[in-house]
Amino acid sequence: MDSTLQPGGHKLLTIIVDETDMAGEIPLYEAIVRKLVRLELAGATVHSAIMGYGRHGRVHRKRLFGMSDEHPISIQVVDREGAIRTALPELKAMIPEGLIFLSEVEVI
């Protein structure tokens, strides 16, 4: 499969989880990226947020000396819509609590 993104319209998949979420012995965000590699999506980037809150209304932020209290982690993937939609069932099964959304993007 050619994972090179050609210019044009694609989808941006964003998944937001807590940094402390685990998938067995590894962080959930790492398990998600490893799954994305196995599913041959074009690529993924993991971002560590400095502050955020979710449906529980509890604010998560980095604290003194870089210590944190479950700050948000986002995983972003850009690929063809078909590739992302094919991967979604497996990804959704891995994420008991979090946020998943799709956006339109244009690769330049």
C-alpha atoms as a PDB file:
ATOM      1  CA  MET A   1       0.000   0.000   0.000  1.00  0.00           C
ATOM      2  CA  ASP A   2       1.306   3.443  -0.906  1.00  0.00           C
ATOM      3  CA  SER A   3       0.983   5.585   2.210  1.00  0.00           C
ATOM      4  CA  THR A   4       2.150   8.778   0.488  1.00  0.00           C
ATOM      5  CA  LEU A   5      -0.560  11.382   0.744  1.00  0.00           C
ATOM      6  CA  GLN A   6      -1.355  13.060  -2.531  1.00  0.00           C
ATOM      7  CA  PRO A   7      -2.550  16.674  -2.564  1.00  0.00           C
ATOM      8  CA  GLY A   8      -6.296  17.019  -2.202  1.00  0.00           C
ATOM      9  CA  GLY A   9      -9.084  16.302   0.240  1.00  0.00           C
ATOM     10  CA  HIS A  10      -8.556  13.845   3.066  1.00  0.00           C
ATOM     11  CA  LYS A  11      -9.878  13.238   6.568  1.00  0.00           C
ATOM     12  CA  LEU A  12      -8.208  14.131   9.844  1.00  0.00           C
ATOM     13  CA  LEU A  13      -8.965  11.634  12.594  1.00  0.00           C
ATOM     14  CA  THR A  14      -8.348  12.975  16.094  1.00  0.00           C
ATOM     15  CA  ILE A  15      -8.481  10.780  19.183  1.00  0.00           C
ATOM     16  CA  ILE A  16      -8.217  12.316  22.656  1.00  0.00           C
ATOM     17  CA  VAL A  17      -7.459  10.176  25.724  1.00  0.00           C
ATOM     18  CA  ASP A  18      -5.854  10.734  29.138  1.00  0.00           C
ATOM     19  CA  GLU A  19      -2.115  10.163  29.436  1.00  0.00           C
ATOM     20  CA  THR A  20      -2.747   7.635  32.225  1.00  0.00           C
ATOM     21  CA  ASP A  21      -5.096   5.453  30.125  1.00  0.00           C
ATOM     22  CA  MET A  22      -3.517   2.045  29.610  1.00  0.00           C
ATOM     23  CA  ALA A  23      -3.916  -0.837  27.166  1.00  0.00           C
ATOM     24  CA  GLY A  24      -2.500  -3.705  29.173  1.00  0.00           C
ATOM     25  CA  GLU A  25       1.076  -2.806  30.054  1.00  0.00           C
ATOM     26  CA  ILE A  26       1.537   0.127  27.660  1.00  0.00           C
ATOM     27  CA  PRO A  27      -0.022   3.585  27.429  1.00  0.00           C
ATOM     28  CA  LEU A  28      -3.228   3.610  25.386  1.00  0.00           C
ATOM     29  CA  TYR A  29      -1.874   6.255  23.006  1.00  0.00           C
ATOM     30  CA  GLU A  30       1.074   3.983  22.203  1.00  0.00           C
ATOM     31  CA  ALA A  31      -1.221   1.002  21.626  1.00  0.00           C
ATOM     32  CA  ILE A  32      -3.333   3.144  19.277  1.00  0.00           C
ATOM     33  CA  VAL A  33      -0.293   4.231  17.249  1.00  0.00           C
ATOM     34  CA  ARG A  34       0.931   0.627  17.019  1.00  0.00           C
ATOM     35  CA  LYS A  35      -2.545  -0.392  15.784  1.00  0.00           C
ATOM     36  CA  LEU A  36      -2.477   2.416  13.194  1.00  0.00           C
ATOM     37  CA  VAL A  37       0.859   1.117  11.895  1.00  0.00           C
ATOM     38  CA  ARG A  38      -0.551  -2.435  11.605  1.00  0.00           C
ATOM     39  CA  LEU A  39      -3.615  -1.071   9.800  1.00  0.00           C
ATOM     40  CA  GLU A  40      -1.258   0.756   7.392  1.00  0.00           C
ATOM     41  CA  LEU A  41      -2.660   4.241   7.805  1.00  0.00           C
ATOM     42  CA  ALA A  42      -0.502   6.980   6.294  1.00  0.00           C
ATOM     43  CA  GLY A  43       0.890   8.266   9.603  1.00  0.00           C
ATOM     44  CA  ALA A  44       0.056   9.514  13.074  1.00  0.00           C
ATOM     45  CA  THR A  45       1.280  12.158  15.476  1.00  0.00           C
ATOM     46  CA  VAL A  46       0.808  12.147  19.249  1.00  0.00           C
ATOM     47  CA  HIS A  47       0.498  15.494  21.038  1.00  0.00           C
ATOM     48  CA  SER A  48       0.721  16.035  24.776  1.00  0.00           C
ATOM     49  CA  ALA A  49      -1.610  18.813  25.891  1.00  0.00           C
ATOM     50  CA  ILE A  50      -0.729  21.239  28.640  1.00  0.00           C
ATOM     51  CA  MET A  51      -4.317  21.740  29.750  1.00  0.00           C
ATOM     52  CA  GLY A  52      -7.836  20.535  29.044  1.00  0.00           C
ATOM     53  CA  TYR A  53     -11.086  19.185  30.442  1.00  0.00           C
ATOM     54  CA  GLY A  54     -13.753  16.770  29.340  1.00  0.00           C
ATOM     55  CA  ARG A  55     -17.291  15.748  30.145  1.00  0.00           C
ATOM     56  CA  HIS A  56     -16.520  15.396  33.855  1.00  0.00           C
ATOM     57  CA  GLY A  57     -15.563  19.085  34.042  1.00  0.00           C
ATOM     58  CA  ARG A  58     -12.283  18.338  35.832  1.00  0.00           C
ATOM     59  CA  VAL A  59      -9.426  20.510  34.535  1.00  0.00           C
ATOM     60  CA  HIS A  60      -6.202  18.624  33.748  1.00  0.00           C
ATOM     61  CA  ARG A  61      -2.948  20.545  33.509  1.00  0.00           C
ATOM     62  CA  LYS A  62       0.796  20.256  33.871  1.00  0.00           C
ATOM     63  CA  ARG A  63       2.005  21.231  37.286  1.00  0.00           C
ATOM     64  CA  LEU A  64       5.256  22.267  38.931  1.00  0.00           C
ATOM     65  CA  PHE A  65       8.353  20.444  37.584  1.00  0.00           C
ATOM     66  CA  GLY A  66       6.378  18.953  34.699  1.00  0.00           C
ATOM     67  CA  MET A  67       4.254  16.735  36.949  1.00  0.00           C
ATOM     68  CA  SER A  68       0.765  16.294  35.618  1.00  0.00           C
ATOM     69  CA  ASP A  69      -2.647  15.083  36.614  1.00  0.00           C
ATOM     70  CA  GLU A  70      -3.821  12.976  33.667  1.00  0.00           C
ATOM     71  CA  HIS A  71      -3.425  15.654  31.019  1.00  0.00           C
ATOM     72  CA  PRO A  72      -4.969  15.021  27.607  1.00  0.00           C
ATOM     73  CA  ILE A  73      -3.130  13.251  24.811  1.00  0.00           C
ATOM     74  CA  SER A  74      -4.297  13.624  21.216  1.00  0.00           C
ATOM     75  CA  ILE A  75      -3.459  11.311  18.358  1.00  0.00           C
ATOM     76  CA  GLN A  76      -3.945  12.745  14.879  1.00  0.00           C
ATOM     77  CA  VAL A  77      -4.080  10.784  11.642  1.00  0.00           C
ATOM     78  CA  VAL A  78      -4.490  12.117   8.099  1.00  0.00           C
ATOM     79  CA  ASP A  79      -5.432   9.659   5.375  1.00  0.00           C
ATOM     80  CA  ARG A  80      -8.070   8.850   2.783  1.00  0.00           C
ATOM     81  CA  GLU A  81     -11.581   8.659   4.202  1.00  0.00           C
ATOM     82  CA  GLY A  82     -11.938   4.981   3.253  1.00  0.00           C
ATOM     83  CA  ALA A  83      -8.763   3.987   5.075  1.00  0.00           C
ATOM     84  CA  ILE A  84      -9.821   5.828   8.232  1.00  0.00           C
ATOM     85  CA  ARG A  85     -13.383   4.511   8.201  1.00  0.00           C
ATOM     86  CA  THR A  86     -12.072   0.956   7.782  1.00  0.00           C
ATOM     87  CA  ALA A  87      -9.847   1.408  10.858  1.00  0.00           C
ATOM     88  CA  LEU A  88     -12.503   3.068  13.055  1.00  0.00           C
ATOM     89  CA  PRO A  89     -14.218  -0.087  14.423  1.00  0.00           C
ATOM     90  CA  GLU A  90     -10.932  -1.474  15.741  1.00  0.00           C
ATOM     91  CA  LEU A  91      -9.887   1.886  17.157  1.00  0.00           C
ATOM     92  CA  LYS A  92     -13.248   2.518  18.831  1.00  0.00           C
ATOM     93  CA  ALA A  93     -13.024  -0.903  20.508  1.00  0.00           C
ATOM     94  CA  MET A  94      -9.731   0.157  22.135  1.00  0.00           C
ATOM     95  CA  ILE A  95     -11.055   3.404  23.625  1.00  0.00           C
ATOM     96  CA  PRO A  96     -13.464   2.916  26.524  1.00  0.00           C
ATOM     97  CA  GLU A  97     -13.528   6.632  27.318  1.00  0.00           C
ATOM     98  CA  GLY A  98     -12.260   9.459  25.164  1.00  0.00           C
ATOM     99  CA  LEU A  99     -13.192  11.569  22.180  1.00  0.00           C
ATOM    100  CA  ILE A 100     -12.933  10.578  18.522  1.00  0.00           C
ATOM    101  CA  PHE A 101     -13.767  12.921  15.671  1.00  0.00           C
ATOM    102  CA  LEU A 102     -13.234  13.355  11.940  1.00  0.00           C
ATOM    103  CA  SER A 103     -12.578  16.592  10.099  1.00  0.00           C
ATOM    104  CA  GLU A 104     -12.119  17.519   6.479  1.00  0.00           C
ATOM    105  CA  VAL A 105      -8.550  18.538   5.596  1.00  0.00           C
ATOM    106  CA  GLU A 106      -6.723  19.456   2.434  1.00  0.00           C
ATOM    107  CA  VAL A 107      -3.208  18.105   1.924  1.00  0.00           C
ATOM    108  CA  ILE A 108      -1.066  20.682   0.133  1.00  0.00           C
END
